[in-house]
Amino acid sequence: MSYYFTPILLQEDKNVDVAKLEGEATVSAMADLVGGIRTLTLDREAGRYVLNCPEAQPAQVGWEEKTAEEINAVYPGLIQGV
């Protein structure tokens, strides 16, 4: 499993999508997601999702791979057993 900080895209209906970068634009990455992804948190203030992804999920442009320790440094206790 891999952990990522991903950009978010706020839709007109106020829903929030996992996003990726395409050139200068932030676009929805929903069509590129595989099954088995867990959303650990949505941080609207920081403009990101924290995801736990299976190895079958390739990182998208703009995603930052993180370790469990790095995530817990920002969000204490989010990932248990680390």
Protein backbone atom coordinates (compact mmCIF):
# COMPACT_ATOMS: atom_id res chain seq x y z
CA MET A 1 0.00 0.00 0.00
CA SER A 2 1.12 3.54 -0.74
CA TYR A 3 0.13 6.82 0.87
CA TYR A 4 -0.39 10.05 -1.06
CA PHE A 5 -1.29 13.67 -0.57
CA THR A 6 -3.39 14.54 -3.62
CA PRO A 7 -4.80 17.82 -4.87
CA ILE A 8 -8.55 18.32 -4.69
CA LEU A 9 -11.01 19.70 -7.19
CA LEU A 10 -14.12 21.44 -5.90
CA GLN A 11 -17.05 20.75 -8.22
CA GLU A 12 -19.86 23.24 -8.89
CA ASP A 13 -22.22 21.10 -6.77
CA LYS A 14 -19.76 21.47 -3.82
CA ASN A 15 -18.58 17.84 -4.05
CA VAL A 16 -14.83 17.34 -3.84
CA ASP A 17 -12.91 15.05 -6.21
CA VAL A 18 -9.44 13.60 -6.00
CA ALA A 19 -7.52 15.60 -8.61
CA LYS A 20 -4.39 15.51 -10.72
CA LEU A 21 -2.49 18.16 -12.62
CA GLU A 22 -2.63 18.53 -16.40
CA GLY A 23 -0.33 21.33 -17.44
CA GLU A 24 -1.52 24.42 -15.58
CA ALA A 25 -4.95 22.93 -14.79
CA THR A 26 -6.22 20.86 -11.87
CA VAL A 27 -8.63 18.22 -13.17
CA SER A 28 -10.56 15.29 -11.72
CA ALA A 29 -8.61 12.05 -11.41
CA MET A 30 -11.69 9.98 -10.56
CA ALA A 31 -11.64 8.09 -13.88
CA ASP A 32 -8.03 7.05 -13.21
CA LEU A 33 -8.63 5.47 -9.80
CA VAL A 34 -8.58 1.72 -9.18
CA GLY A 35 -10.62 -0.11 -6.55
CA GLY A 36 -9.41 -0.50 -2.99
CA ILE A 37 -8.40 3.12 -2.32
CA ARG A 38 -9.11 4.36 1.19
CA THR A 39 -9.62 8.05 1.88
CA LEU A 40 -7.90 8.71 5.19
CA THR A 41 -8.91 12.37 5.38
CA LEU A 42 -10.02 15.35 3.33
CA ASP A 43 -8.22 18.52 4.41
CA ARG A 44 -10.11 21.34 2.70
CA GLU A 45 -7.94 23.97 4.37
CA ALA A 46 -4.74 22.47 2.92
CA GLY A 47 -6.48 21.62 -0.36
CA ARG A 48 -5.71 17.90 -0.31
CA TYR A 49 -6.89 14.37 0.26
CA VAL A 50 -4.78 11.83 2.11
CA LEU A 51 -5.18 8.47 0.38
CA ASN A 52 -4.06 4.92 1.10
CA CYS A 53 -3.76 3.19 -2.29
CA PRO A 54 -3.11 -0.37 -3.40
CA GLU A 55 0.06 -0.97 -5.42
CA ALA A 56 -2.12 -1.24 -8.57
CA GLN A 57 -2.87 2.51 -8.34
CA PRO A 58 -0.27 4.52 -10.24
CA ALA A 59 0.56 7.94 -8.85
CA GLN A 60 -0.94 10.77 -10.85
CA VAL A 61 0.75 14.06 -11.71
CA GLY A 62 0.63 16.30 -8.64
CA TRP A 63 0.34 13.48 -6.11
CA GLU A 64 2.98 13.41 -3.37
CA GLU A 65 3.92 9.98 -2.05
CA LYS A 66 4.31 10.00 1.73
CA THR A 67 5.31 7.53 4.41
CA ALA A 68 3.00 6.72 7.31
CA GLU A 69 5.37 8.61 9.59
CA GLU A 70 5.23 11.73 7.39
CA ILE A 71 1.43 11.62 7.40
CA ASN A 72 1.28 11.18 11.17
CA ALA A 73 3.64 14.18 11.56
CA VAL A 74 0.99 16.34 9.86
CA TYR A 75 -2.12 14.46 11.10
CA PRO A 76 -1.14 12.92 14.47
CA GLY A 77 -2.60 9.44 15.00
CA LEU A 78 -4.24 9.22 11.56
CA ILE A 79 -2.39 6.01 10.76
CA GLN A 80 -2.43 3.59 13.69
CA GLY A 81 0.31 1.10 14.43
CA VAL A 82 3.18 3.18 13.08
